[in-house]
Amino acid sequence: MKSVKETLLERTSIRRYQRQAIEPEKIEFIYRAIQNTQTSYNGQQYSVIALSDQNLKEQIASITGQKQIKTCALFLLFCIDYHKEQVICKAKGLQPSRFQDTIDGYTVGVIDAALAMQNAVIAAQSVGLGSCCIGYVRTADPKKVSQLVGLPQNVAIVCGLAIGYPAETPDLKPKQPIPLLIHQNKYQTEQQEELLIAYDQQISQYNQSRQGGTSTNDWGGHILEYHKEGTQYELLQYLDGQGFHITK
C-alpha cells in the first residue's frame, strides 16, 4: 500500500485502463472508505451505484462521450440521496422535511457525495489503482443515465468515478500555487493577477509537452470556455424531474 504522501501528492487522472479485474478485497476496501465518509450531521445524503455490467457502462460511455467509462473495471456513480429520508419517514409516520427543495439541501447532498467520491479516489490510489472523476454523467443527459440505473425520486446524479488498473503513466499536472489557493486570515488579492498569469503560462507549456497527447490549451481561456458551456446545461429541469423542486 502506498504512503499517505504518495497517495495524495502523486495522484493523476487515469483515462486508459488495463483489461484486469479488481480484486474483491480492494473493492471492499474502497467501499469501506466510502462508507466511512464524514457527512453533514451524519445525514449521509448520498448513495453510490457501482457499475460492473459492461453493457450499462458502454451505454453511459456512449451518452457522455467518455470512453474510460467503458474500459474501466468499475464505474461508481455518486448521487445525492433524499429518498432514504422519505423511506424512514414513511416507516415511522413522520412528515419528510423537503430539505432537498432548498439550495442548502442540494449543496449538502453534493458535498456529502463529493466527500464520498474523494474517499474512493484516495482508497483506490493507495492500493495501486487509478481513477478519473467524470462530471459529464451529470450534464450530458442525466435523465437518461438516471433511467438506466433506476434512480428513484429524490435521488440525483453528482459525479462519476472510473476505477481500474492504469495502462498509462500521465505527467503530474501543475496545480495553482498555494498562495492562490490558501489565503492566510483573509482573502488576498495583491499578487493574484501576477500569479494567475504565471500559472496560465505554466499550463500552456505543460499541455504542449505532456505525455499521452498534447494541446495548445492555456488555463484561463480553456476554463472560460468550459464555464460558458456550463451555462447551457439544464440541471434545474433535470433536478425538478427527480423530485428536487429548488425554490430557495
Protein backbone atom coordinates (compact mmCIF):
# COMPACT_ATOMS: atom_id res chain seq x y z
CA MET A 1 0.00 0.00 0.00
CA LYS A 2 1.24 3.48 -0.86
CA SER A 3 2.07 6.00 1.84
CA VAL A 4 -0.31 8.87 2.58
CA LYS A 5 2.16 11.28 0.93
CA GLU A 6 2.42 9.19 -2.25
CA THR A 7 -1.34 8.70 -2.38
CA LEU A 8 -2.19 12.37 -2.08
CA LEU A 9 0.69 14.09 -3.89
CA GLU A 10 1.32 11.71 -6.79
CA ARG A 11 -2.30 11.23 -7.89
CA THR A 12 -3.09 11.75 -11.57
CA SER A 13 -6.29 11.18 -13.53
CA ILE A 14 -6.18 7.86 -15.39
CA ARG A 15 -8.13 7.55 -18.63
CA ARG A 16 -6.60 4.33 -20.03
CA TYR A 17 -7.00 1.06 -18.16
CA GLN A 18 -5.69 -2.47 -18.37
CA ARG A 19 -8.11 -5.33 -19.02
CA GLN A 20 -7.73 -6.61 -15.48
CA ALA A 21 -10.38 -7.21 -12.87
CA ILE A 22 -10.03 -5.56 -9.48
CA GLU A 23 -9.54 -7.98 -6.62
CA PRO A 24 -12.63 -8.28 -4.36
CA GLU A 25 -10.65 -7.24 -1.28
CA LYS A 26 -9.61 -3.97 -2.97
CA ILE A 27 -13.19 -3.24 -3.99
CA GLU A 28 -14.32 -3.94 -0.43
CA PHE A 29 -11.66 -1.54 0.87
CA ILE A 30 -12.92 1.20 -1.46
CA TYR A 31 -16.50 0.55 -0.36
CA ARG A 32 -15.49 0.73 3.31
CA ALA A 33 -13.72 4.03 2.67
CA ILE A 34 -16.90 5.36 1.06
CA GLN A 35 -18.96 4.05 3.97
CA ASN A 36 -16.78 5.90 6.49
CA THR A 37 -17.18 9.29 4.79
CA GLN A 38 -17.81 12.23 7.08
CA THR A 39 -21.18 13.85 6.26
CA SER A 40 -23.24 16.78 7.48
CA TYR A 41 -24.81 15.85 10.85
CA ASN A 42 -24.30 12.18 9.87
CA GLY A 43 -27.17 12.55 7.43
CA GLN A 44 -25.32 10.53 4.76
CA GLN A 45 -27.28 12.27 1.99
CA TYR A 46 -25.65 10.22 -0.76
CA SER A 47 -25.73 6.82 -2.41
CA VAL A 48 -23.39 5.15 -4.90
CA ILE A 49 -24.33 2.99 -7.88
CA ALA A 50 -21.47 0.54 -8.57
CA LEU A 51 -21.45 -0.45 -12.24
CA SER A 52 -19.54 -3.52 -13.37
CA ASP A 53 -22.07 -4.55 -16.05
CA GLN A 54 -20.30 -3.94 -19.36
CA ASN A 55 -23.47 -3.19 -21.29
CA LEU A 56 -24.51 -0.49 -18.85
CA LYS A 57 -21.03 1.03 -18.84
CA GLU A 58 -20.99 1.13 -22.63
CA GLN A 59 -24.38 2.83 -22.77
CA ILE A 60 -23.26 5.52 -20.33
CA ALA A 61 -19.95 5.92 -22.19
CA SER A 62 -21.93 6.49 -25.39
CA ILE A 63 -24.13 9.12 -23.71
CA THR A 64 -21.23 11.04 -22.19
CA GLY A 65 -18.55 10.51 -24.84
CA GLN A 66 -16.17 9.34 -22.11
CA LYS A 67 -14.59 6.05 -23.24
CA GLN A 68 -12.90 5.46 -19.87
CA ILE A 69 -16.33 4.55 -18.51
CA LYS A 70 -16.40 1.65 -20.96
CA THR A 71 -12.84 0.48 -20.38
CA CYS A 72 -12.54 0.83 -16.60
CA ALA A 73 -13.11 -2.21 -14.40
CA LEU A 74 -15.55 -0.43 -12.09
CA PHE A 75 -17.60 2.72 -12.56
CA LEU A 76 -19.09 4.40 -9.50
CA LEU A 77 -21.97 6.85 -9.84
CA PHE A 78 -22.20 9.19 -6.83
CA CYS A 79 -25.64 10.64 -6.13
CA ILE A 80 -27.47 12.98 -3.77
CA ASP A 81 -29.99 10.83 -1.92
CA TYR A 82 -33.03 12.14 -0.07
CA HIS A 83 -35.09 9.05 -0.97
CA LYS A 84 -33.81 7.37 2.19
CA GLU A 85 -35.37 10.17 4.25
CA GLN A 86 -38.70 9.54 2.54
CA VAL A 87 -38.50 5.82 3.36
CA ILE A 88 -37.66 6.24 7.06
CA CYS A 89 -40.32 8.95 7.47
CA LYS A 90 -42.98 6.70 5.99
CA ALA A 91 -41.87 3.82 8.19
CA LYS A 92 -42.04 5.97 11.34
CA GLY A 93 -45.11 8.01 10.45
CA LEU A 94 -43.18 11.26 10.11
CA GLN A 95 -43.52 14.14 7.65
CA PRO A 96 -40.50 14.49 5.31
CA SER A 97 -38.59 17.78 5.55
CA ARG A 98 -38.31 18.58 1.81
CA PHE A 99 -34.79 19.87 2.59
CA GLN A 100 -33.88 18.88 -0.96
CA ASP A 101 -36.06 21.72 -2.25
CA THR A 102 -33.62 24.30 -0.84
CA ILE A 103 -30.26 25.36 -2.24
CA ASP A 104 -28.68 24.40 1.08
CA GLY A 105 -30.21 20.93 0.90
CA TYR A 106 -28.84 20.45 -2.62
CA THR A 107 -25.45 21.78 -1.52
CA VAL A 108 -25.30 19.46 1.49
CA GLY A 109 -26.07 16.48 -0.74
CA VAL A 110 -23.40 17.48 -3.27
CA ILE A 111 -20.81 17.92 -0.51
CA ASP A 112 -21.64 14.54 1.02
CA ALA A 113 -21.41 12.79 -2.35
CA ALA A 114 -18.20 14.62 -3.28
CA LEU A 115 -16.54 13.71 0.03
CA ALA A 116 -17.51 10.07 -0.54
CA MET A 117 -16.02 10.19 -4.03
CA GLN A 118 -12.77 11.68 -2.76
CA ASN A 119 -12.53 8.89 -0.19
CA ALA A 120 -12.92 6.40 -3.05
CA VAL A 121 -10.22 8.17 -5.09
CA ILE A 122 -7.77 8.06 -2.18
CA ALA A 123 -8.55 4.43 -1.33
CA ALA A 124 -8.13 3.33 -4.95
CA GLN A 125 -4.89 5.26 -5.37
CA SER A 126 -3.43 3.80 -2.19
CA VAL A 127 -3.79 0.21 -3.44
CA GLY A 128 -2.27 0.77 -6.87
CA LEU A 129 -5.43 1.54 -8.84
CA GLY A 130 -6.11 4.59 -10.97
CA SER A 131 -9.25 6.68 -11.24
CA CYS A 132 -10.85 9.52 -13.16
CA CYS A 133 -13.72 11.73 -11.98
CA ILE A 134 -16.32 12.26 -14.72
CA GLY A 135 -18.79 15.11 -14.40
CA TYR A 136 -20.38 14.55 -17.81
CA VAL A 137 -22.74 11.98 -16.27
CA ARG A 138 -24.38 14.96 -14.55
CA THR A 139 -24.52 17.22 -17.61
CA ALA A 140 -24.65 15.22 -20.88
CA ASP A 141 -28.04 13.51 -20.41
CA PRO A 142 -28.58 12.96 -16.67
CA LYS A 143 -32.22 11.96 -17.17
CA LYS A 144 -31.23 9.08 -19.44
CA VAL A 145 -28.41 7.95 -17.14
CA SER A 146 -30.78 8.10 -14.16
CA GLN A 147 -33.26 5.90 -16.02
CA LEU A 148 -30.56 3.38 -16.94
CA VAL A 149 -29.56 2.88 -13.31
CA GLY A 150 -33.07 3.13 -11.88
CA LEU A 151 -32.74 6.23 -9.72
CA PRO A 152 -35.97 6.86 -7.78
CA GLN A 153 -37.44 10.25 -6.96
CA ASN A 154 -35.34 12.41 -4.63
CA VAL A 155 -32.06 10.91 -5.90
CA ALA A 156 -29.91 12.81 -8.43
CA ILE A 157 -26.51 12.38 -10.07
CA VAL A 158 -23.50 14.34 -8.80
CA CYS A 159 -20.46 12.77 -10.49
CA GLY A 160 -18.97 9.51 -11.73
CA LEU A 161 -15.69 7.79 -10.96
CA ALA A 162 -13.90 5.35 -13.27
CA ILE A 163 -11.57 2.93 -11.45
CA GLY A 164 -9.14 0.31 -12.76
CA TYR A 165 -5.53 -0.71 -13.20
CA PRO A 166 -3.68 2.05 -15.08
CA ALA A 167 -2.48 1.48 -18.63
CA GLU A 168 -0.71 4.84 -18.69
CA THR A 169 1.52 6.99 -16.50
CA PRO A 170 0.47 10.59 -17.11
CA ASP A 171 2.67 13.51 -16.16
CA LEU A 172 1.68 15.20 -12.93
CA LYS A 173 -0.46 18.19 -13.93
CA PRO A 174 0.65 21.54 -12.46
CA LYS A 175 -1.80 22.98 -9.94
CA GLN A 176 -2.22 26.58 -8.87
CA PRO A 177 0.43 27.68 -6.36
CA ILE A 178 -0.52 27.55 -2.71
CA PRO A 179 -0.87 31.37 -2.33
CA LEU A 180 -3.66 31.28 -4.93
CA LEU A 181 -5.47 28.51 -3.11
CA ILE A 182 -4.84 29.14 0.58
CA HIS A 183 -5.36 32.65 1.95
CA GLN A 184 -3.99 33.47 5.38
CA ASN A 185 -6.61 35.07 7.65
CA LYS A 186 -8.29 37.00 4.81
CA TYR A 187 -8.72 36.77 1.04
CA GLN A 188 -5.53 38.03 -0.61
CA THR A 189 -5.67 39.87 -3.95
CA GLU A 190 -2.32 41.69 -4.06
CA GLN A 191 -0.38 39.25 -6.29
CA GLN A 192 -3.33 37.35 -7.70
CA GLU A 193 -3.10 38.60 -11.27
CA GLU A 194 0.66 38.04 -11.48
CA LEU A 195 0.37 34.52 -10.07
CA LEU A 196 -2.54 33.62 -12.36
CA ILE A 197 -0.70 34.81 -15.48
CA ALA A 198 2.35 32.76 -14.50
CA TYR A 199 0.17 29.72 -13.85
CA ASP A 200 -1.63 30.19 -17.17
CA GLN A 201 1.74 30.10 -18.96
CA GLN A 202 2.81 27.05 -16.96
CA ILE A 203 -0.31 25.15 -18.04
CA SER A 204 0.27 26.13 -21.67
CA GLN A 205 3.81 24.74 -21.54
CA TYR A 206 2.61 21.58 -19.81
CA ASN A 207 -0.10 20.93 -22.41
CA GLN A 208 2.36 21.39 -25.27
CA SER A 209 4.76 18.74 -23.96
CA ARG A 210 2.75 16.30 -21.83
CA GLN A 211 2.64 12.56 -22.44
CA GLY A 212 -0.46 10.98 -23.93
CA GLY A 213 -1.43 13.79 -26.30
CA THR A 214 -0.53 17.47 -26.49
CA SER A 215 -2.71 20.56 -26.96
CA THR A 216 -2.47 24.33 -27.13
CA ASN A 217 -4.79 24.87 -24.16
CA ASP A 218 -3.95 27.50 -21.60
CA TRP A 219 -5.77 27.68 -18.25
CA GLY A 220 -7.74 30.93 -18.38
CA GLY A 221 -9.18 30.62 -21.88
CA HIS A 222 -9.82 26.90 -21.54
CA ILE A 223 -11.70 27.14 -18.25
CA LEU A 224 -13.68 30.12 -19.56
CA GLU A 225 -14.94 28.03 -22.48
CA TYR A 226 -15.87 25.25 -20.08
CA HIS A 227 -17.81 27.70 -17.89
CA LYS A 228 -19.60 29.15 -20.93
CA GLU A 229 -20.62 25.64 -21.95
CA GLY A 230 -21.84 25.06 -18.41
CA THR A 231 -24.31 27.94 -18.68
CA GLN A 232 -26.21 25.90 -21.27
CA TYR A 233 -26.88 22.90 -19.02
CA GLU A 234 -30.47 22.45 -17.86
CA LEU A 235 -29.75 20.96 -14.45
CA LEU A 236 -32.73 22.58 -12.73
CA GLN A 237 -35.05 20.85 -15.19
CA TYR A 238 -33.35 17.51 -14.51
CA LEU A 239 -33.42 18.03 -10.74
CA ASP A 240 -37.08 19.00 -10.84
CA GLY A 241 -37.83 15.76 -12.67
CA GLN A 242 -36.02 13.85 -9.94
CA GLY A 243 -38.09 15.49 -7.21
CA PHE A 244 -35.78 18.38 -6.24
CA HIS A 245 -38.05 21.43 -6.51
CA ILE A 246 -35.48 24.05 -5.55
CA THR A 247 -37.13 27.35 -4.71
CA LYS A 248 -34.98 28.96 -2.02
